[in-house]
Amino acid sequence: MKGLPTLIRVRQWELEEKRRKLADLEGLAASLDEAISRLDDEVRMEQSVATASHEVSFAYAPYAQAAIDRRRTLTASLEDVRLQIEAAAQEVTVAYQELKKYEVAQDNRRRRARVEANRREQIVLDDIGIEGFRRTTH
């Protein structure tokens, strides 16, 4: 019985670590989404500046190519993080199931111990009742 609470604490710690990792990955995905959005806004702004001024439009082409490359990199990174999120979510699920398995085992042990204690107490009470009955009848 002593080892089960320790296992439960270890599994709880592992579950919390996996949840933190998942939260970190989700935060990273959100920041990559935000970076893509900012880049798109910046490209739109540069496009409007380039269309407004003929002199600036010559410099727009290299900028646009760099922005396309940057967006491609960010999108690939985001896709990679999303795959990592899926794997981390699966790890959280497995860790949760492991924790629940130990918690159910502990609950079952406690319930069996309670039933056994009640049974023993009932035996003692029955013995006291029988002894009291014998004393009054003899």
N, C-alpha and C. Protein backbone atom coordinates (compact mmCIF):
# COMPACT_ATOMS: atom_id res chain seq x y z
N MET A 1 0.83 -1.19 0.00
CA MET A 1 0.00 0.00 0.00
C MET A 1 0.87 1.25 0.00
N LYS A 2 2.06 1.16 0.55
CA LYS A 2 2.92 2.32 0.66
C LYS A 2 3.44 2.78 -0.71
N GLY A 3 3.69 1.83 -1.62
CA GLY A 3 4.26 2.18 -2.92
C GLY A 3 3.27 2.84 -3.86
N LEU A 4 1.99 2.54 -3.71
CA LEU A 4 0.99 3.08 -4.63
C LEU A 4 0.85 4.60 -4.54
N PRO A 5 0.80 5.20 -3.36
CA PRO A 5 0.75 6.68 -3.31
C PRO A 5 1.99 7.32 -3.94
N THR A 6 3.13 6.68 -3.79
CA THR A 6 4.35 7.20 -4.42
C THR A 6 4.23 7.13 -5.94
N LEU A 7 3.74 6.01 -6.44
CA LEU A 7 3.55 5.89 -7.89
C LEU A 7 2.55 6.92 -8.39
N ILE A 8 1.52 7.17 -7.62
CA ILE A 8 0.52 8.17 -8.03
C ILE A 8 1.16 9.55 -8.08
N ARG A 9 1.97 9.89 -7.09
CA ARG A 9 2.64 11.20 -7.11
C ARG A 9 3.57 11.32 -8.31
N VAL A 10 4.30 10.25 -8.61
CA VAL A 10 5.21 10.27 -9.76
C VAL A 10 4.42 10.46 -11.05
N ARG A 11 3.32 9.73 -11.18
CA ARG A 11 2.50 9.84 -12.39
C ARG A 11 1.86 11.23 -12.51
N GLN A 12 1.45 11.81 -11.36
CA GLN A 12 0.90 13.16 -11.39
C GLN A 12 1.96 14.15 -11.86
N TRP A 13 3.17 13.99 -11.36
CA TRP A 13 4.26 14.87 -11.77
C TRP A 13 4.52 14.73 -13.27
N GLU A 14 4.58 13.46 -13.75
CA GLU A 14 4.80 13.23 -15.18
C GLU A 14 3.68 13.86 -16.02
N LEU A 15 2.45 13.70 -15.56
CA LEU A 15 1.32 14.28 -16.28
C LEU A 15 1.44 15.80 -16.33
N GLU A 16 1.78 16.43 -15.23
CA GLU A 16 1.93 17.88 -15.21
C GLU A 16 3.06 18.34 -16.13
N GLU A 17 4.16 17.59 -16.15
CA GLU A 17 5.27 17.93 -17.05
C GLU A 17 4.82 17.85 -18.51
N LYS A 18 4.08 16.80 -18.84
CA LYS A 18 3.61 16.64 -20.21
C LYS A 18 2.61 17.74 -20.57
N ARG A 19 1.78 18.13 -19.61
CA ARG A 19 0.84 19.23 -19.86
C ARG A 19 1.59 20.54 -20.06
N ARG A 20 2.65 20.76 -19.29
CA ARG A 20 3.45 21.99 -19.47
C ARG A 20 4.09 22.01 -20.86
N LYS A 21 4.62 20.86 -21.26
CA LYS A 21 5.25 20.77 -22.58
C LYS A 21 4.22 21.07 -23.67
N LEU A 22 3.02 20.51 -23.53
CA LEU A 22 1.95 20.76 -24.50
C LEU A 22 1.58 22.24 -24.52
N ALA A 23 1.47 22.85 -23.34
CA ALA A 23 1.14 24.27 -23.27
C ALA A 23 2.24 25.12 -23.92
N ASP A 24 3.50 24.74 -23.70
CA ASP A 24 4.61 25.46 -24.33
C ASP A 24 4.53 25.37 -25.85
N LEU A 25 4.24 24.17 -26.34
CA LEU A 25 4.13 23.98 -27.79
C LEU A 25 2.95 24.78 -28.36
N GLU A 26 1.85 24.80 -27.63
CA GLU A 26 0.71 25.58 -28.10
C GLU A 26 1.03 27.07 -28.10
N GLY A 27 1.79 27.52 -27.12
CA GLY A 27 2.23 28.91 -27.09
C GLY A 27 3.15 29.23 -28.27
N LEU A 28 4.04 28.29 -28.57
CA LEU A 28 4.92 28.47 -29.72
C LEU A 28 4.12 28.53 -31.01
N ALA A 29 3.13 27.66 -31.15
CA ALA A 29 2.28 27.68 -32.35
C ALA A 29 1.54 29.02 -32.47
N ALA A 30 1.07 29.51 -31.35
CA ALA A 30 0.37 30.81 -31.37
C ALA A 30 1.32 31.93 -31.78
N SER A 31 2.55 31.88 -31.28
CA SER A 31 3.50 32.94 -31.65
C SER A 31 3.90 32.83 -33.12
N LEU A 32 4.01 31.61 -33.64
CA LEU A 32 4.30 31.45 -35.07
C LEU A 32 3.12 31.95 -35.92
N ASP A 33 1.91 31.66 -35.48
CA ASP A 33 0.72 32.18 -36.18
C ASP A 33 0.74 33.70 -36.19
N GLU A 34 1.08 34.28 -35.05
CA GLU A 34 1.15 35.74 -34.94
C GLU A 34 2.25 36.30 -35.84
N ALA A 35 3.39 35.62 -35.91
CA ALA A 35 4.49 36.08 -36.76
C ALA A 35 4.08 36.04 -38.24
N ILE A 36 3.36 35.00 -38.62
CA ILE A 36 2.88 34.90 -40.01
C ILE A 36 1.90 36.03 -40.30
N SER A 37 1.03 36.29 -39.37
CA SER A 37 0.05 37.36 -39.53
C SER A 37 0.74 38.72 -39.65
N ARG A 38 1.73 38.95 -38.78
CA ARG A 38 2.47 40.23 -38.85
C ARG A 38 3.20 40.36 -40.18
N LEU A 39 3.80 39.25 -40.64
CA LEU A 39 4.51 39.28 -41.92
C LEU A 39 3.54 39.60 -43.06
N ASP A 40 2.36 38.98 -43.03
CA ASP A 40 1.36 39.26 -44.06
C ASP A 40 0.94 40.73 -44.04
N ASP A 41 0.76 41.28 -42.84
CA ASP A 41 0.40 42.70 -42.71
C ASP A 41 1.52 43.58 -43.26
N GLU A 42 2.76 43.21 -42.94
CA GLU A 42 3.91 43.99 -43.40
C GLU A 42 4.01 43.95 -44.93
N VAL A 43 3.77 42.78 -45.51
CA VAL A 43 3.83 42.65 -46.98
C VAL A 43 2.75 43.52 -47.62
N ARG A 44 1.54 43.50 -47.05
CA ARG A 44 0.47 44.34 -47.60
C ARG A 44 0.84 45.82 -47.53
N MET A 45 1.44 46.21 -46.40
CA MET A 45 1.85 47.61 -46.25
C MET A 45 2.93 47.97 -47.27
N GLU A 46 3.90 47.10 -47.45
CA GLU A 46 4.97 47.35 -48.42
C GLU A 46 4.43 47.39 -49.84
N GLN A 47 3.45 46.54 -50.13
CA GLN A 47 2.83 46.55 -51.46
C GLN A 47 2.16 47.90 -51.73
N SER A 48 1.46 48.40 -50.71
CA SER A 48 0.78 49.69 -50.90
C SER A 48 1.80 50.82 -51.08
N VAL A 49 2.90 50.75 -50.37
CA VAL A 49 3.96 51.76 -50.53
C VAL A 49 4.59 51.63 -51.91
N ALA A 50 4.84 50.40 -52.36
CA ALA A 50 5.48 50.18 -53.66
C ALA A 50 4.58 50.62 -54.80
N THR A 51 3.28 50.43 -54.65
CA THR A 51 2.38 50.88 -55.73
C THR A 51 2.22 52.39 -55.73
N ALA A 52 2.43 53.03 -54.61
CA ALA A 52 2.28 54.48 -54.52
C ALA A 52 3.49 55.22 -55.09
N SER A 53 4.67 54.59 -55.02
CA SER A 53 5.88 55.28 -55.45
C SER A 53 6.63 54.41 -56.46
N HIS A 54 6.87 54.98 -57.63
CA HIS A 54 7.57 54.25 -58.68
C HIS A 54 9.02 53.97 -58.30
N GLU A 55 9.67 54.91 -57.60
CA GLU A 55 11.08 54.73 -57.21
C GLU A 55 11.24 53.56 -56.22
N VAL A 56 10.27 53.40 -55.33
CA VAL A 56 10.35 52.35 -54.30
C VAL A 56 9.99 50.98 -54.89
N SER A 57 9.24 50.97 -55.96
CA SER A 57 8.78 49.70 -56.52
C SER A 57 9.94 48.82 -56.99
N PHE A 58 11.09 49.39 -57.34
CA PHE A 58 12.25 48.58 -57.76
C PHE A 58 12.80 47.77 -56.59
N ALA A 59 12.70 48.28 -55.40
CA ALA A 59 13.23 47.58 -54.22
C ALA A 59 12.24 46.56 -53.67
N TYR A 60 11.03 46.60 -54.19
CA TYR A 60 10.00 45.71 -53.64
C TYR A 60 10.24 44.25 -54.01
N ALA A 61 10.73 43.97 -55.20
CA ALA A 61 10.90 42.58 -55.65
C ALA A 61 11.81 41.77 -54.72
N PRO A 62 13.00 42.26 -54.36
CA PRO A 62 13.83 41.47 -53.43
C PRO A 62 13.17 41.32 -52.05
N TYR A 63 12.50 42.39 -51.63
CA TYR A 63 11.80 42.30 -50.35
C TYR A 63 10.71 41.24 -50.41
N ALA A 64 9.95 41.22 -51.49
CA ALA A 64 8.86 40.26 -51.64
C ALA A 64 9.39 38.84 -51.63
N GLN A 65 10.52 38.60 -52.32
CA GLN A 65 11.10 37.26 -52.34
C GLN A 65 11.54 36.84 -50.94
N ALA A 66 12.16 37.76 -50.22
CA ALA A 66 12.59 37.47 -48.85
C ALA A 66 11.37 37.20 -47.96
N ALA A 67 10.31 37.95 -48.16
CA ALA A 67 9.10 37.75 -47.37
C ALA A 67 8.46 36.41 -47.68
N ILE A 68 8.47 36.02 -48.94
CA ILE A 68 7.93 34.71 -49.34
C ILE A 68 8.74 33.60 -48.68
N ASP A 69 10.06 33.73 -48.73
CA ASP A 69 10.91 32.72 -48.10
C ASP A 69 10.67 32.66 -46.59
N ARG A 70 10.56 33.83 -45.98
CA ARG A 70 10.32 33.89 -44.53
C ARG A 70 8.98 33.25 -44.17
N ARG A 71 7.96 33.53 -44.98
CA ARG A 71 6.63 32.94 -44.72
C ARG A 71 6.68 31.43 -44.88
N ARG A 72 7.40 30.97 -45.89
CA ARG A 72 7.52 29.53 -46.12
C ARG A 72 8.19 28.87 -44.91
N THR A 73 9.23 29.51 -44.39
CA THR A 73 9.93 28.99 -43.21
C THR A 73 9.02 28.97 -41.99
N LEU A 74 8.31 30.06 -41.79
CA LEU A 74 7.39 30.13 -40.65
C LEU A 74 6.28 29.08 -40.76
N THR A 75 5.75 28.90 -41.95
CA THR A 75 4.68 27.93 -42.17
C THR A 75 5.20 26.51 -41.91
N ALA A 76 6.40 26.23 -42.38
CA ALA A 76 6.98 24.90 -42.14
C ALA A 76 7.21 24.68 -40.64
N SER A 77 7.69 25.70 -39.97
CA SER A 77 7.90 25.60 -38.53
C SER A 77 6.57 25.38 -37.81
N LEU A 78 5.55 26.09 -38.23
CA LEU A 78 4.23 25.94 -37.62
C LEU A 78 3.69 24.53 -37.83
N GLU A 79 3.87 24.01 -39.01
CA GLU A 79 3.40 22.64 -39.29
C GLU A 79 4.15 21.63 -38.42
N ASP A 80 5.45 21.84 -38.27
CA ASP A 80 6.25 20.96 -37.40
C ASP A 80 5.77 21.04 -35.96
N VAL A 81 5.50 22.24 -35.49
CA VAL A 81 5.02 22.42 -34.11
C VAL A 81 3.65 21.77 -33.95
N ARG A 82 2.81 21.87 -34.94
CA ARG A 82 1.49 21.23 -34.85
C ARG A 82 1.62 19.71 -34.75
N LEU A 83 2.56 19.14 -35.47
CA LEU A 83 2.80 17.70 -35.35
C LEU A 83 3.30 17.35 -33.94
N GLN A 84 4.17 18.21 -33.42
CA GLN A 84 4.66 18.00 -32.06
C GLN A 84 3.52 18.14 -31.04
N ILE A 85 2.59 19.04 -31.32
CA ILE A 85 1.42 19.22 -30.43
C ILE A 85 0.58 17.94 -30.42
N GLU A 86 0.36 17.37 -31.59
CA GLU A 86 -0.40 16.13 -31.67
C GLU A 86 0.26 15.03 -30.85
N ALA A 87 1.58 14.89 -31.00
CA ALA A 87 2.31 13.87 -30.24
C ALA A 87 2.26 14.16 -28.74
N ALA A 88 2.41 15.41 -28.38
CA ALA A 88 2.38 15.78 -26.96
C ALA A 88 0.99 15.55 -26.38
N ALA A 89 -0.05 15.84 -27.14
CA ALA A 89 -1.42 15.60 -26.66
C ALA A 89 -1.64 14.11 -26.44
N GLN A 90 -1.10 13.30 -27.32
CA GLN A 90 -1.20 11.84 -27.15
C GLN A 90 -0.45 11.40 -25.89
N GLU A 91 0.70 12.00 -25.64
CA GLU A 91 1.47 11.67 -24.43
C GLU A 91 0.69 12.07 -23.18
N VAL A 92 0.01 13.21 -23.23
CA VAL A 92 -0.80 13.64 -22.09
C VAL A 92 -1.92 12.64 -21.85
N THR A 93 -2.55 12.19 -22.91
CA THR A 93 -3.63 11.21 -22.78
C THR A 93 -3.14 9.92 -22.15
N VAL A 94 -2.01 9.43 -22.61
CA VAL A 94 -1.44 8.19 -22.07
C VAL A 94 -1.05 8.39 -20.60
N ALA A 95 -0.44 9.51 -20.28
CA ALA A 95 -0.04 9.78 -18.89
C ALA A 95 -1.27 9.87 -17.99
N TYR A 96 -2.33 10.48 -18.48
CA TYR A 96 -3.56 10.59 -17.70
C TYR A 96 -4.16 9.20 -17.45
N GLN A 97 -4.16 8.37 -18.48
CA GLN A 97 -4.69 7.01 -18.32
C GLN A 97 -3.87 6.21 -17.32
N GLU A 98 -2.56 6.37 -17.36
CA GLU A 98 -1.69 5.69 -16.39
C GLU A 98 -2.00 6.16 -14.97
N LEU A 99 -2.13 7.46 -14.79
CA LEU A 99 -2.45 8.01 -13.48
C LEU A 99 -3.78 7.47 -12.98
N LYS A 100 -4.78 7.47 -13.84
CA LYS A 100 -6.11 6.99 -13.45
C LYS A 100 -6.06 5.51 -13.07
N LYS A 101 -5.25 4.74 -13.77
CA LYS A 101 -5.13 3.32 -13.45
C LYS A 101 -4.64 3.14 -12.01
N TYR A 102 -3.65 3.89 -11.61
CA TYR A 102 -3.12 3.79 -10.25
C TYR A 102 -4.12 4.34 -9.23
N GLU A 103 -4.80 5.43 -9.59
CA GLU A 103 -5.78 5.98 -8.66
C GLU A 103 -6.94 5.02 -8.43
N VAL A 104 -7.39 4.35 -9.49
CA VAL A 104 -8.46 3.37 -9.35
C VAL A 104 -7.98 2.20 -8.49
N ALA A 105 -6.75 1.76 -8.71
CA ALA A 105 -6.21 0.67 -7.90
C ALA A 105 -6.16 1.07 -6.42
N GLN A 106 -5.75 2.31 -6.16
CA GLN A 106 -5.70 2.78 -4.77
C GLN A 106 -7.11 2.85 -4.17
N ASP A 107 -8.07 3.34 -4.94
CA ASP A 107 -9.46 3.39 -4.45
C ASP A 107 -9.99 1.99 -4.16
N ASN A 108 -9.67 1.04 -5.03
CA ASN A 108 -10.10 -0.34 -4.81
C ASN A 108 -9.48 -0.91 -3.54
N ARG A 109 -8.21 -0.64 -3.33
CA ARG A 109 -7.55 -1.11 -2.11
C ARG A 109 -8.19 -0.51 -0.88
N ARG A 110 -8.47 0.77 -0.92
CA ARG A 110 -9.10 1.44 0.22
C ARG A 110 -10.49 0.87 0.48
N ARG A 111 -11.25 0.64 -0.58
CA ARG A 111 -12.59 0.09 -0.43
C ARG A 111 -12.53 -1.31 0.16
N ARG A 112 -11.62 -2.14 -0.32
CA ARG A 112 -11.48 -3.50 0.23
C ARG A 112 -11.06 -3.45 1.69
N ALA A 113 -10.15 -2.53 2.02
CA ALA A 113 -9.71 -2.42 3.42
C ALA A 113 -10.87 -1.97 4.30
N ARG A 114 -11.71 -1.05 3.81
CA ARG A 114 -12.86 -0.58 4.56
C ARG A 114 -13.87 -1.71 4.77
N VAL A 115 -14.11 -2.49 3.72
CA VAL A 115 -15.03 -3.62 3.82
C VAL A 115 -14.50 -4.63 4.83
N GLU A 116 -13.21 -4.90 4.77
CA GLU A 116 -12.60 -5.85 5.71
C GLU A 116 -12.67 -5.33 7.15
N ALA A 117 -12.42 -4.05 7.34
CA ALA A 117 -12.50 -3.47 8.68
C ALA A 117 -13.93 -3.54 9.20
N ASN A 118 -14.90 -3.25 8.35
CA ASN A 118 -16.31 -3.35 8.75
C ASN A 118 -16.69 -4.79 9.09
N ARG A 119 -16.16 -5.73 8.31
CA ARG A 119 -16.44 -7.15 8.57
C ARG A 119 -15.87 -7.56 9.93
N ARG A 120 -14.65 -7.16 10.20
CA ARG A 120 -14.03 -7.50 11.49
C ARG A 120 -14.78 -6.85 12.65
N GLU A 121 -15.17 -5.61 12.45
CA GLU A 121 -15.92 -4.91 13.51
C GLU A 121 -17.26 -5.62 13.75
N GLN A 122 -17.90 -6.06 12.68
CA GLN A 122 -19.17 -6.76 12.83
C GLN A 122 -18.98 -8.08 13.56
N ILE A 123 -17.88 -8.78 13.29
CA ILE A 123 -17.59 -10.03 13.99
C ILE A 123 -17.44 -9.78 15.48
N VAL A 124 -16.70 -8.72 15.83
CA VAL A 124 -16.51 -8.38 17.25
C VAL A 124 -17.85 -8.04 17.88
N LEU A 125 -18.66 -7.23 17.19
CA LEU A 125 -19.97 -6.85 17.73
C LEU A 125 -20.88 -8.08 17.87
N ASP A 126 -20.81 -8.99 16.91
CA ASP A 126 -21.61 -10.22 17.00
C ASP A 126 -21.17 -11.05 18.20
N ASP A 127 -19.84 -11.16 18.39
CA ASP A 127 -19.33 -11.91 19.54
C ASP A 127 -19.79 -11.28 20.85
N ILE A 128 -19.77 -9.96 20.93
CA ILE A 128 -20.23 -9.25 22.14
C ILE A 128 -21.72 -9.52 22.35
N GLY A 129 -22.49 -9.47 21.28
CA GLY A 129 -23.93 -9.73 21.37
C GLY A 129 -24.22 -11.16 21.81
N ILE A 130 -23.51 -12.10 21.24
CA ILE A 130 -23.70 -13.51 21.62
C ILE A 130 -23.32 -13.74 23.07
N GLU A 131 -22.20 -13.14 23.47
CA GLU A 131 -21.76 -13.29 24.86
C GLU A 131 -22.77 -12.67 25.81
N GLY A 132 -23.29 -11.53 25.46
CA GLY A 132 -24.33 -10.90 26.30
C GLY A 132 -25.59 -11.74 26.37
N PHE A 133 -25.95 -12.34 25.25
CA PHE A 133 -27.13 -13.21 25.24
C PHE A 133 -26.89 -14.43 26.11
N ARG A 134 -25.73 -15.04 26.05
CA ARG A 134 -25.40 -16.21 26.88
C ARG A 134 -25.49 -15.87 28.36
N ARG A 135 -24.98 -14.69 28.71
CA ARG A 135 -24.99 -14.31 30.12
C ARG A 135 -26.42 -14.10 30.64
N THR A 136 -27.28 -13.59 29.82
CA THR A 136 -28.65 -13.34 30.27
C THR A 136 -29.48 -14.61 30.29
N THR A 137 -29.14 -15.61 29.50
CA THR A 137 -29.92 -16.85 29.43
C THR A 137 -29.41 -17.88 30.41
N HIS A 138 -28.23 -17.77 30.91
CA HIS A 138 -27.70 -18.79 31.82
C HIS A 138 -27.63 -18.31 33.19
